[in-house]
Amino acid sequence: RLSCVASGSTLSINYIGWYRQAQGKQRELVALIYYSGPTSYA
C-alpha cells in the first residue's frame, strides 16, 4: 500500500493519483481519483 500526503494549497485540486515509470520506459498513468469522487485506472 502506497501513501501520498498532500500539503500546501490542497484546496481546488482537480485530481490526485499515481503514475509509474519503469526503467527505460515512459511514465504511465496508474490510477487517479477526481475531486468529485470518480476514479480512473490503467
PDB file of all heavy atoms in Angstrom:
ATOM      1  N   ARG A   1       0.844  -1.187   0.000  1.00  0.00           N
ATOM      2  CA  ARG A   1       0.000   0.000   0.000  1.00  0.00           C
ATOM      3  C   ARG A   1       0.878   1.236   0.000  1.00  0.00           C
ATOM      4  O   ARG A   1       1.690   1.428   0.906  1.00  0.00           O
ATOM      5  CB  ARG A   1      -0.938   0.030   1.199  1.00  0.00           C
ATOM      6  CG  ARG A   1      -1.964   1.153   1.095  1.00  0.00           C
ATOM      7  CD  ARG A   1      -2.964   1.177   2.218  1.00  0.00           C
ATOM      8  NE  ARG A   1      -2.425   1.797   3.420  1.00  0.00           N
ATOM      9  CZ  ARG A   1      -3.165   2.355   4.374  1.00  0.00           C
ATOM     10  NH1 ARG A   1      -4.491   2.356   4.258  1.00  0.00           N
ATOM     11  NH2 ARG A   1      -2.600   2.887   5.445  1.00  0.00           N
ATOM     12  N   LEU A   2       0.692   2.049  -1.021  1.00  0.00           N
ATOM     13  CA  LEU A   2       1.395   3.316  -1.114  1.00  0.00           C
ATOM     14  C   LEU A   2       0.532   4.423  -0.519  1.00  0.00           C
ATOM     15  O   LEU A   2      -0.692   4.386  -0.628  1.00  0.00           O
ATOM     16  CB  LEU A   2       1.719   3.656  -2.565  1.00  0.00           C
ATOM     17  CG  LEU A   2       2.504   2.609  -3.362  1.00  0.00           C
ATOM     18  CD1 LEU A   2       2.799   3.159  -4.762  1.00  0.00           C
ATOM     19  CD2 LEU A   2       3.770   2.207  -2.662  1.00  0.00           C
ATOM     20  N   SER A   3       1.207   5.398   0.071  1.00  0.00           N
ATOM     21  CA  SER A   3       0.522   6.561   0.619  1.00  0.00           C
ATOM     22  C   SER A   3       1.138   7.824   0.040  1.00  0.00           C
ATOM     23  O   SER A   3       2.336   7.869  -0.234  1.00  0.00           O
ATOM     24  CB  SER A   3       0.648   6.607   2.144  1.00  0.00           C
ATOM     25  OG  SER A   3       0.091   5.462   2.743  1.00  0.00           O
ATOM     26  N   CYS A   4       0.320   8.842  -0.119  1.00  0.00           N
ATOM     27  CA  CYS A   4       0.788  10.139  -0.583  1.00  0.00           C
ATOM     28  C   CYS A   4       0.092  11.208   0.245  1.00  0.00           C
ATOM     29  O   CYS A   4      -1.136  11.316   0.217  1.00  0.00           O
ATOM     30  CB  CYS A   4       0.471  10.320  -2.065  1.00  0.00           C
ATOM     31  SG  CYS A   4       0.831  11.978  -2.682  1.00  0.00           S
ATOM     32  N   VAL A   5       0.896  11.967   0.970  1.00  0.00           N
ATOM     33  CA  VAL A   5       0.357  13.057   1.786  1.00  0.00           C
ATOM     34  C   VAL A   5       0.546  14.371   1.044  1.00  0.00           C
ATOM     35  O   VAL A   5       1.663  14.705   0.629  1.00  0.00           O
ATOM     36  CB  VAL A   5       1.061  13.115   3.153  1.00  0.00           C
ATOM     37  CG1 VAL A   5       0.488  14.263   3.976  1.00  0.00           C
ATOM     38  CG2 VAL A   5       0.892  11.797   3.893  1.00  0.00           C
ATOM     39  N   ALA A   6      -0.540  15.093   0.873  1.00  0.00           N
ATOM     40  CA  ALA A   6      -0.519  16.386   0.200  1.00  0.00           C
ATOM     41  C   ALA A   6      -0.535  17.505   1.220  1.00  0.00           C
ATOM     42  O   ALA A   6      -1.230  17.430   2.230  1.00  0.00           O
ATOM     43  CB  ALA A   6      -1.708  16.514  -0.745  1.00  0.00           C
ATOM     44  N   SER A   7       0.219  18.555   0.942  1.00  0.00           N
ATOM     45  CA  SER A   7       0.221  19.743   1.794  1.00  0.00           C
ATOM     46  C   SER A   7       0.346  20.976   0.924  1.00  0.00           C
ATOM     47  O   SER A   7       0.603  20.887  -0.276  1.00  0.00           O
ATOM     48  CB  SER A   7       1.365  19.675   2.817  1.00  0.00           C
ATOM     49  OG  SER A   7       2.617  19.623   2.171  1.00  0.00           O
ATOM     50  N   GLY A   8       0.176  22.127   1.543  1.00  0.00           N
ATOM     51  CA  GLY A   8       0.221  23.368   0.780  1.00  0.00           C
ATOM     52  C   GLY A   8      -1.170  23.749   0.315  1.00  0.00           C
ATOM     53  O   GLY A   8      -2.123  23.622   1.066  1.00  0.00           O
ATOM     54  N   SER A   9      -1.268  24.175  -0.911  1.00  0.00           N
ATOM     55  CA  SER A   9      -2.544  24.648  -1.465  1.00  0.00           C
ATOM     56  C   SER A   9      -3.360  23.462  -1.979  1.00  0.00           C
ATOM     57  O   SER A   9      -3.487  23.234  -3.174  1.00  0.00           O
ATOM     58  CB  SER A   9      -2.278  25.645  -2.591  1.00  0.00           C
ATOM     59  OG  SER A   9      -1.537  26.743  -2.130  1.00  0.00           O
ATOM     60  N   THR A  10      -3.935  22.711  -1.063  1.00  0.00           N
ATOM     61  CA  THR A  10      -4.644  21.485  -1.447  1.00  0.00           C
ATOM     62  C   THR A  10      -6.103  21.728  -1.823  1.00  0.00           C
ATOM     63  O   THR A  10      -6.747  20.831  -2.365  1.00  0.00           O
ATOM     64  CB  THR A  10      -4.582  20.451  -0.314  1.00  0.00           C
ATOM     65  OG1 THR A  10      -5.140  21.033   0.864  1.00  0.00           O
ATOM     66  CG2 THR A  10      -3.151  20.032  -0.037  1.00  0.00           C
ATOM     67  N   LEU A  11      -6.615  22.923  -1.545  1.00  0.00           N
ATOM     68  CA  LEU A  11      -7.975  23.210  -1.982  1.00  0.00           C
ATOM     69  C   LEU A  11      -8.009  23.299  -3.502  1.00  0.00           C
ATOM     70  O   LEU A  11      -7.046  23.714  -4.124  1.00  0.00           O
ATOM     71  CB  LEU A  11      -8.463  24.523  -1.372  1.00  0.00           C
ATOM     72  CG  LEU A  11      -8.663  24.538   0.140  1.00  0.00           C
ATOM     73  CD1 LEU A  11      -9.091  25.925   0.595  1.00  0.00           C
ATOM     74  CD2 LEU A  11      -9.708  23.505   0.550  1.00  0.00           C
ATOM     75  N   SER A  12      -9.099  22.933  -4.076  1.00  0.00           N
ATOM     76  CA  SER A  12      -9.324  23.028  -5.523  1.00  0.00           C
ATOM     77  C   SER A  12      -8.403  22.125  -6.338  1.00  0.00           C
ATOM     78  O   SER A  12      -8.139  22.396  -7.509  1.00  0.00           O
ATOM     79  CB  SER A  12      -9.167  24.471  -6.009  1.00  0.00           C
ATOM     80  OG  SER A  12     -10.080  25.311  -5.369  1.00  0.00           O
ATOM     81  N   ILE A  13      -7.883  21.081  -5.720  1.00  0.00           N
ATOM     82  CA  ILE A  13      -7.159  20.082  -6.511  1.00  0.00           C
ATOM     83  C   ILE A  13      -8.175  19.380  -7.404  1.00  0.00           C
ATOM     84  O   ILE A  13      -9.207  18.915  -6.934  1.00  0.00           O
ATOM     85  CB  ILE A  13      -6.435  19.083  -5.610  1.00  0.00           C
ATOM     86  CG1 ILE A  13      -5.198  19.724  -4.975  1.00  0.00           C
ATOM     87  CG2 ILE A  13      -6.024  17.836  -6.386  1.00  0.00           C
ATOM     88  CD1 ILE A  13      -4.437  18.822  -4.038  1.00  0.00           C
ATOM     89  N   ASN A  14      -7.891  19.294  -8.689  1.00  0.00           N
ATOM     90  CA  ASN A  14      -8.809  18.670  -9.632  1.00  0.00           C
ATOM     91  C   ASN A  14      -8.797  17.146  -9.489  1.00  0.00           C
ATOM     92  O   ASN A  14      -9.833  16.501  -9.501  1.00  0.00           O
ATOM     93  CB  ASN A  14      -8.449  19.046 -11.064  1.00  0.00           C
ATOM     94  CG  ASN A  14      -8.440  20.526 -11.258  1.00  0.00           C
ATOM     95  OD1 ASN A  14      -7.421  21.126 -11.568  1.00  0.00           O
ATOM     96  ND2 ASN A  14      -9.591  21.161 -11.060  1.00  0.00           N
ATOM     97  N   TYR A  15      -7.580  16.603  -9.424  1.00  0.00           N
ATOM     98  CA  TYR A  15      -7.433  15.175  -9.193  1.00  0.00           C
ATOM     99  C   TYR A  15      -6.093  14.906  -8.528  1.00  0.00           C
ATOM    100  O   TYR A  15      -5.190  15.748  -8.549  1.00  0.00           O
ATOM    101  CB  TYR A  15      -7.556  14.351 -10.484  1.00  0.00           C
ATOM    102  CG  TYR A  15      -6.529  14.631 -11.554  1.00  0.00           C
ATOM    103  CD1 TYR A  15      -5.199  14.246 -11.413  1.00  0.00           C
ATOM    104  CD2 TYR A  15      -6.910  15.248 -12.745  1.00  0.00           C
ATOM    105  CE1 TYR A  15      -4.268  14.489 -12.398  1.00  0.00           C
ATOM    106  CE2 TYR A  15      -5.982  15.494 -13.736  1.00  0.00           C
ATOM    107  CZ  TYR A  15      -4.663  15.116 -13.564  1.00  0.00           C
ATOM    108  OH  TYR A  15      -3.743  15.353 -14.551  1.00  0.00           O
ATOM    109  N   ILE A  16      -5.972  13.748  -7.957  1.00  0.00           N
ATOM    110  CA  ILE A  16      -4.732  13.302  -7.353  1.00  0.00           C
ATOM    111  C   ILE A  16      -4.612  11.812  -7.618  1.00  0.00           C
ATOM    112  O   ILE A  16      -5.620  11.115  -7.719  1.00  0.00           O
ATOM    113  CB  ILE A  16      -4.698  13.625  -5.836  1.00  0.00           C
ATOM    114  CG1 ILE A  16      -3.312  13.366  -5.240  1.00  0.00           C
ATOM    115  CG2 ILE A  16      -5.788  12.865  -5.096  1.00  0.00           C
ATOM    116  CD1 ILE A  16      -3.151  13.966  -3.847  1.00  0.00           C
ATOM    117  N   GLY A  17      -3.392  11.350  -7.798  1.00  0.00           N
ATOM    118  CA  GLY A  17      -3.256   9.937  -8.102  1.00  0.00           C
ATOM    119  C   GLY A  17      -1.825   9.518  -8.317  1.00  0.00           C
ATOM    120  O   GLY A  17      -0.895  10.147  -7.799  1.00  0.00           O
ATOM    121  N   TRP A  18      -1.680   8.459  -9.102  1.00  0.00           N
ATOM    122  CA  TRP A  18      -0.395   7.797  -9.236  1.00  0.00           C
ATOM    123  C   TRP A  18      -0.028   7.537 -10.695  1.00  0.00           C
ATOM    124  O   TRP A  18      -0.866   7.103 -11.484  1.00  0.00           O
ATOM    125  CB  TRP A  18      -0.430   6.457  -8.500  1.00  0.00           C
ATOM    126  CG  TRP A  18      -0.682   6.605  -7.039  1.00  0.00           C
ATOM    127  CD1 TRP A  18      -1.901   6.637  -6.424  1.00  0.00           C
ATOM    128  CD2 TRP A  18       0.295   6.771  -6.011  1.00  0.00           C
ATOM    129  NE1 TRP A  18      -1.734   6.812  -5.075  1.00  0.00           N
ATOM    130  CE2 TRP A  18      -0.404   6.897  -4.790  1.00  0.00           C
ATOM    131  CE3 TRP A  18       1.685   6.824  -6.002  1.00  0.00           C
ATOM    132  CZ2 TRP A  18       0.259   7.073  -3.576  1.00  0.00           C
ATOM    133  CZ3 TRP A  18       2.337   6.988  -4.793  1.00  0.00           C
ATOM    134  CH2 TRP A  18       1.628   7.110  -3.598  1.00  0.00           C
ATOM    135  N   TYR A  19       1.231   7.798 -10.992  1.00  0.00           N
ATOM    136  CA  TYR A  19       1.866   7.363 -12.219  1.00  0.00           C
ATOM    137  C   TYR A  19       3.028   6.470 -11.821  1.00  0.00           C
ATOM    138  O   TYR A  19       3.452   6.450 -10.668  1.00  0.00           O
ATOM    139  CB  TYR A  19       2.394   8.562 -13.017  1.00  0.00           C
ATOM    140  CG  TYR A  19       1.364   9.267 -13.867  1.00  0.00           C
ATOM    141  CD1 TYR A  19       0.318   9.980 -13.296  1.00  0.00           C
ATOM    142  CD2 TYR A  19       1.449   9.230 -15.263  1.00  0.00           C
ATOM    143  CE1 TYR A  19      -0.623  10.632 -14.082  1.00  0.00           C
ATOM    144  CE2 TYR A  19       0.519   9.882 -16.054  1.00  0.00           C
ATOM    145  CZ  TYR A  19      -0.504  10.585 -15.451  1.00  0.00           C
ATOM    146  OH  TYR A  19      -1.433  11.225 -16.241  1.00  0.00           O
ATOM    147  N   ARG A  20       3.567   5.767 -12.793  1.00  0.00           N
ATOM    148  CA  ARG A  20       4.762   4.967 -12.542  1.00  0.00           C
ATOM    149  C   ARG A  20       5.682   5.015 -13.748  1.00  0.00           C
ATOM    150  O   ARG A  20       5.245   5.249 -14.865  1.00  0.00           O
ATOM    151  CB  ARG A  20       4.410   3.519 -12.212  1.00  0.00           C
ATOM    152  CG  ARG A  20       3.805   2.727 -13.359  1.00  0.00           C
ATOM    153  CD  ARG A  20       3.344   1.344 -12.881  1.00  0.00           C
ATOM    154  NE  ARG A  20       2.768   0.560 -13.952  1.00  0.00           N
ATOM    155  CZ  ARG A  20       2.168  -0.611 -13.783  1.00  0.00           C
ATOM    156  NH1 ARG A  20       2.058  -1.136 -12.555  1.00  0.00           N
ATOM    157  NH2 ARG A  20       1.678  -1.268 -14.811  1.00  0.00           N
ATOM    158  N   GLN A  21       6.951   4.782 -13.469  1.00  0.00           N
ATOM    159  CA  GLN A  21       7.944   4.769 -14.534  1.00  0.00           C
ATOM    160  C   GLN A  21       8.908   3.628 -14.300  1.00  0.00           C
ATOM    161  O   GLN A  21       9.656   3.634 -13.310  1.00  0.00           O
ATOM    162  CB  GLN A  21       8.693   6.101 -14.614  1.00  0.00           C
ATOM    163  CG  GLN A  21       9.613   6.211 -15.810  1.00  0.00           C
ATOM    164  CD  GLN A  21      10.090   7.627 -16.031  1.00  0.00           C
ATOM    165  OE1 GLN A  21      10.035   8.478 -15.153  1.00  0.00           O
ATOM    166  NE2 GLN A  21      10.559   7.893 -17.243  1.00  0.00           N
ATOM    167  N   ALA A  22       8.869   2.664 -15.191  1.00  0.00           N
ATOM    168  CA  ALA A  22       9.816   1.563 -15.150  1.00  0.00           C
ATOM    169  C   ALA A  22      11.112   1.984 -15.842  1.00  0.00           C
ATOM    170  O   ALA A  22      11.112   2.886 -16.684  1.00  0.00           O
ATOM    171  CB  ALA A  22       9.233   0.332 -15.827  1.00  0.00           C
ATOM    172  N   GLN A  23      12.185   1.316 -15.511  1.00  0.00           N
ATOM    173  CA  GLN A  23      13.479   1.677 -16.080  1.00  0.00           C
ATOM    174  C   GLN A  23      13.439   1.559 -17.593  1.00  0.00           C
ATOM    175  O   GLN A  23      13.017   0.534 -18.135  1.00  0.00           O
ATOM    176  CB  GLN A  23      14.570   0.779 -15.512  1.00  0.00           C
ATOM    177  CG  GLN A  23      15.974   1.283 -15.769  1.00  0.00           C
ATOM    178  CD  GLN A  23      17.007   0.549 -14.948  1.00  0.00           C
ATOM    179  OE1 GLN A  23      16.706  -0.426 -14.264  1.00  0.00           O
ATOM    180  NE2 GLN A  23      18.237   1.018 -15.003  1.00  0.00           N
ATOM    181  N   GLY A  24      13.843   2.617 -18.273  1.00  0.00           N
ATOM    182  CA  GLY A  24      13.884   2.619 -19.724  1.00  0.00           C
ATOM    183  C   GLY A  24      12.559   2.846 -20.406  1.00  0.00           C
ATOM    184  O   GLY A  24      12.467   2.760 -21.631  1.00  0.00           O
ATOM    185  N   LYS A  25      11.511   3.121 -19.621  1.00  0.00           N
ATOM    186  CA  LYS A  25      10.190   3.318 -20.207  1.00  0.00           C
ATOM    187  C   LYS A  25       9.641   4.680 -19.834  1.00  0.00           C
ATOM    188  O   LYS A  25      10.137   5.338 -18.922  1.00  0.00           O
ATOM    189  CB  LYS A  25       9.239   2.215 -19.732  1.00  0.00           C
ATOM    190  CG  LYS A  25       9.622   0.823 -20.217  1.00  0.00           C
ATOM    191  CD  LYS A  25       8.553  -0.184 -19.860  1.00  0.00           C
ATOM    192  CE  LYS A  25       8.898  -1.567 -20.398  1.00  0.00           C
ATOM    193  NZ  LYS A  25       7.841  -2.562 -20.082  1.00  0.00           N
ATOM    194  N   GLN A  26       8.595   5.075 -20.542  1.00  0.00           N
ATOM    195  CA  GLN A  26       7.950   6.354 -20.252  1.00  0.00           C
ATOM    196  C   GLN A  26       7.068   6.246 -19.009  1.00  0.00           C
ATOM    197  O   GLN A  26       6.589   5.165 -18.662  1.00  0.00           O
ATOM    198  CB  GLN A  26       7.101   6.790 -21.456  1.00  0.00           C
ATOM    199  CG  GLN A  26       7.905   7.235 -22.657  1.00  0.00           C
ATOM    200  CD  GLN A  26       7.040   7.863 -23.735  1.00  0.00           C
ATOM    201  OE1 GLN A  26       5.873   7.519 -23.883  1.00  0.00           O
ATOM    202  NE2 GLN A  26       7.601   8.789 -24.488  1.00  0.00           N
ATOM    203  N   ARG A  27       6.878   7.381 -18.376  1.00  0.00           N
ATOM    204  CA  ARG A  27       5.977   7.428 -17.229  1.00  0.00           C
ATOM    205  C   ARG A  27       4.549   7.160 -17.721  1.00  0.00           C
ATOM    206  O   ARG A  27       4.130   7.680 -18.751  1.00  0.00           O
ATOM    207  CB  ARG A  27       6.071   8.789 -16.549  1.00  0.00           C
ATOM    208  CG  ARG A  27       5.424   8.860 -15.191  1.00  0.00           C
ATOM    209  CD  ARG A  27       5.739  10.179 -14.499  1.00  0.00           C
ATOM    210  NE  ARG A  27       7.176  10.312 -14.206  1.00  0.00           N
ATOM    211  CZ  ARG A  27       7.680  11.281 -13.447  1.00  0.00           C
ATOM    212  NH1 ARG A  27       6.867  12.169 -12.886  1.00  0.00           N
ATOM    213  NH2 ARG A  27       8.977  11.351 -13.245  1.00  0.00           N
ATOM    214  N   GLU A  28       3.814   6.351 -16.959  1.00  0.00           N
ATOM    215  CA  GLU A  28       2.463   5.990 -17.376  1.00  0.00           C
ATOM    216  C   GLU A  28       1.487   6.126 -16.220  1.00  0.00           C
ATOM    217  O   GLU A  28       1.839   5.974 -15.047  1.00  0.00           O
ATOM    218  CB  GLU A  28       2.424   4.548 -17.901  1.00  0.00           C
ATOM    219  CG  GLU A  28       2.790   3.494 -16.881  1.00  0.00           C
ATOM    220  CD  GLU A  28       2.662   2.070 -17.405  1.00  0.00           C
ATOM    221  OE1 GLU A  28       2.391   1.884 -18.611  1.00  0.00           O
ATOM    222  OE2 GLU A  28       2.826   1.145 -16.596  1.00  0.00           O
ATOM    223  N   LEU A  29       0.242   6.375 -16.593  1.00  0.00           N
ATOM    224  CA  LEU A  29      -0.820   6.501 -15.608  1.00  0.00           C
ATOM    225  C   LEU A  29      -1.090   5.166 -14.933  1.00  0.00           C
ATOM    226  O   LEU A  29      -1.114   4.122 -15.588  1.00  0.00           O
ATOM    227  CB  LEU A  29      -2.099   6.976 -16.292  1.00  0.00           C
ATOM    228  CG  LEU A  29      -3.373   6.929 -15.464  1.00  0.00           C
ATOM    229  CD1 LEU A  29      -3.328   7.986 -14.375  1.00  0.00           C
ATOM    230  CD2 LEU A  29      -4.591   7.114 -16.352  1.00  0.00           C
ATOM    231  N   VAL A  30      -1.298   5.206 -13.627  1.00  0.00           N
ATOM    232  CA  VAL A  30      -1.727   4.023 -12.881  1.00  0.00           C
ATOM    233  C   VAL A  30      -3.178   4.202 -12.433  1.00  0.00           C
ATOM    234  O   VAL A  30      -4.045   3.408 -12.779  1.00  0.00           O
ATOM    235  CB  VAL A  30      -0.822   3.766 -11.668  1.00  0.00           C
ATOM    236  CG1 VAL A  30      -1.332   2.560 -10.873  1.00  0.00           C
ATOM    237  CG2 VAL A  30       0.616   3.555 -12.102  1.00  0.00           C
ATOM    238  N   ALA A  31      -3.437   5.244 -11.650  1.00  0.00           N
ATOM    239  CA  ALA A  31      -4.785   5.464 -11.130  1.00  0.00           C
ATOM    240  C   ALA A  31      -4.923   6.906 -10.686  1.00  0.00           C
ATOM    241  O   ALA A  31      -3.957   7.500 -10.193  1.00  0.00           O
ATOM    242  CB  ALA A  31      -5.082   4.527  -9.965  1.00  0.00           C
ATOM    243  N   LEU A  32      -6.125   7.456 -10.861  1.00  0.00           N
ATOM    244  CA  LEU A  32      -6.437   8.804 -10.425  1.00  0.00           C
ATOM    245  C   LEU A  32      -7.760   8.804  -9.680  1.00  0.00           C
ATOM    246  O   LEU A  32      -8.630   7.976  -9.959  1.00  0.00           O
ATOM    247  CB  LEU A  32      -6.562   9.753 -11.618  1.00  0.00           C
ATOM    248  CG  LEU A  32      -5.340   9.972 -12.505  1.00  0.00           C
ATOM    249  CD1 LEU A  32      -5.726  10.840 -13.702  1.00  0.00           C
ATOM    250  CD2 LEU A  32      -4.218  10.592 -11.728  1.00  0.00           C
ATOM    251  N   ILE A  33      -7.904   9.741  -8.771  1.00  0.00           N
ATOM    252  CA  ILE A  33      -9.192   9.970  -8.132  1.00  0.00           C
ATOM    253  C   ILE A  33      -9.494  11.459  -8.254  1.00  0.00           C
ATOM    254  O   ILE A  33      -8.661  12.312  -7.927  1.00  0.00           O
ATOM    255  CB  ILE A  33      -9.214   9.478  -6.673  1.00  0.00           C
ATOM    256  CG1 ILE A  33     -10.610   9.620  -6.072  1.00  0.00           C
ATOM    257  CG2 ILE A  33      -8.156  10.155  -5.818  1.00  0.00           C
ATOM    258  CD1 ILE A  33     -10.805   8.815  -4.796  1.00  0.00           C
ATOM    259  N   TYR A  34     -10.662  11.767  -8.783  1.00  0.00           N
ATOM    260  CA  TYR A  34     -11.032  13.140  -9.035  1.00  0.00           C
ATOM    261  C   TYR A  34     -11.663  13.772  -7.807  1.00  0.00           C
ATOM    262  O   TYR A  34     -12.145  13.072  -6.903  1.00  0.00           O
ATOM    263  CB  TYR A  34     -11.982  13.209 -10.230  1.00  0.00           C
ATOM    264  CG  TYR A  34     -11.287  12.866 -11.523  1.00  0.00           C
ATOM    265  CD1 TYR A  34     -11.101  11.546 -11.918  1.00  0.00           C
ATOM    266  CD2 TYR A  34     -10.769  13.863 -12.344  1.00  0.00           C
ATOM    267  CE1 TYR A  34     -10.436  11.228 -13.079  1.00  0.00           C
ATOM    268  CE2 TYR A  34     -10.107  13.555 -13.518  1.00  0.00           C
ATOM    269  CZ  TYR A  34      -9.943  12.237 -13.875  1.00  0.00           C
ATOM    270  OH  TYR A  34      -9.282  11.926 -15.024  1.00  0.00           O
ATOM    271  N   TYR A  35     -11.662  15.097  -7.785  1.00  0.00           N
ATOM    272  CA  TYR A  35     -12.179  15.816  -6.623  1.00  0.00           C
ATOM    273  C   TYR A  35     -13.609  15.388  -6.311  1.00  0.00           C
ATOM    274  O   TYR A  35     -13.983  15.213  -5.156  1.00  0.00           O
ATOM    275  CB  TYR A  35     -12.134  17.322  -6.891  1.00  0.00           C
ATOM    276  CG  TYR A  35     -12.763  18.133  -5.792  1.00  0.00           C
ATOM    277  CD1 TYR A  35     -12.081  18.394  -4.609  1.00  0.00           C
ATOM    278  CD2 TYR A  35     -14.063  18.618  -5.928  1.00  0.00           C
ATOM    279  CE1 TYR A  35     -12.655  19.127  -3.597  1.00  0.00           C
ATOM    280  CE2 TYR A  35     -14.652  19.357  -4.911  1.00  0.00           C
ATOM    281  CZ  TYR A  35     -13.940  19.604  -3.754  1.00  0.00           C
ATOM    282  OH  TYR A  35     -14.531  20.322  -2.743  1.00  0.00           O
ATOM    283  N   SER A  36     -14.405  15.180  -7.358  1.00  0.00           N
ATOM    284  CA  SER A  36     -15.811  14.810  -7.169  1.00  0.00           C
ATOM    285  C   SER A  36     -16.003  13.345  -6.831  1.00  0.00           C
ATOM    286  O   SER A  36     -17.122  12.923  -6.542  1.00  0.00           O
ATOM    287  CB  SER A  36     -16.612  15.159  -8.427  1.00  0.00           C
ATOM    288  OG  SER A  36     -16.017  14.569  -9.561  1.00  0.00           O
ATOM    289  N   GLY A  37     -14.933  12.565  -6.895  1.00  0.00           N
ATOM    290  CA  GLY A  37     -15.047  11.186  -6.463  1.00  0.00           C
ATOM    291  C   GLY A  37     -14.749  10.089  -7.460  1.00  0.00           C
ATOM    292  O   GLY A  37     -14.284   9.014  -7.073  1.00  0.00           O
ATOM    293  N   PRO A  38     -15.018  10.282  -8.760  1.00  0.00           N
ATOM    294  CA  PRO A  38     -14.761   9.203  -9.719  1.00  0.00           C
ATOM    295  C   PRO A  38     -13.282   8.816  -9.759  1.00  0.00           C
ATOM    296  O   PRO A  38     -12.405   9.613  -9.428  1.00  0.00           O
ATOM    297  CB  PRO A  38     -15.180   9.811 -11.054  1.00  0.00           C
ATOM    298  CG  PRO A  38     -16.145  10.878 -10.709  1.00  0.00           C
ATOM    299  CD  PRO A  38     -15.652  11.431  -9.390  1.00  0.00           C
ATOM    300  N   THR A  39     -13.068   7.581 -10.158  1.00  0.00           N
ATOM    301  CA  THR A  39     -11.709   7.074 -10.263  1.00  0.00           C
ATOM    302  C   THR A  39     -11.431   6.610 -11.683  1.00  0.00           C
ATOM    303  O   THR A  39     -12.353   6.339 -12.464  1.00  0.00           O
ATOM    304  CB  THR A  39     -11.480   5.902  -9.300  1.00  0.00           C
ATOM    305  OG1 THR A  39     -12.441   4.877  -9.573  1.00  0.00           O
ATOM    306  CG2 THR A  39     -11.621   6.351  -7.849  1.00  0.00           C
ATOM    307  N   SER A  40     -10.161   6.517 -11.999  1.00  0.00           N
ATOM    308  CA  SER A  40      -9.733   6.062 -13.315  1.00  0.00           C
ATOM    309  C   SER A  40      -8.505   5.186 -13.125  1.00  0.00           C
ATOM    310  O   SER A  40      -7.621   5.528 -12.332  1.00  0.00           O
ATOM    311  CB  SER A  40      -9.407   7.264 -14.207  1.00  0.00           C
ATOM    312  OG  SER A  40      -8.938   6.846 -15.472  1.00  0.00           O
ATOM    313  N   TYR A  41      -8.473   4.059 -13.852  1.00  0.00           N
ATOM    314  CA  TYR A  41      -7.371   3.113 -13.728  1.00  0.00           C
ATOM    315  C   TYR A  41      -6.815   2.746 -15.090  1.00  0.00           C
ATOM    316  O   TYR A  41      -7.550   2.668 -16.075  1.00  0.00           O
ATOM    317  CB  TYR A  41      -7.848   1.813 -13.066  1.00  0.00           C
ATOM    318  CG  TYR A  41      -8.273   1.948 -11.629  1.00  0.00           C
ATOM    319  CD1 TYR A  41      -9.596   2.203 -11.299  1.00  0.00           C
ATOM    320  CD2 TYR A  41      -7.342   1.816 -10.601  1.00  0.00           C
ATOM    321  CE1 TYR A  41      -9.990   2.323  -9.970  1.00  0.00           C
ATOM    322  CE2 TYR A  41      -7.723   1.923  -9.268  1.00  0.00           C
ATOM    323  CZ  TYR A  41      -9.057   2.182  -8.969  1.00  0.00           C
ATOM    324  OH  TYR A  41      -9.442   2.294  -7.654  1.00  0.00           O
ATOM    325  N   ALA A  42      -5.521   2.459 -15.107  1.00  0.00           N
ATOM    326  CA  ALA A  42      -4.942   1.858 -16.304  1.00  0.00           C
ATOM    327  C   ALA A  42      -5.487   0.441 -16.441  1.00  0.00           C
ATOM    328  O   ALA A  42      -5.739  -0.242 -15.438  1.00  0.00           O
ATOM    329  CB  ALA A  42      -3.421   1.819 -16.174  1.00  0.00           C
TER     330      ALA A  42
END
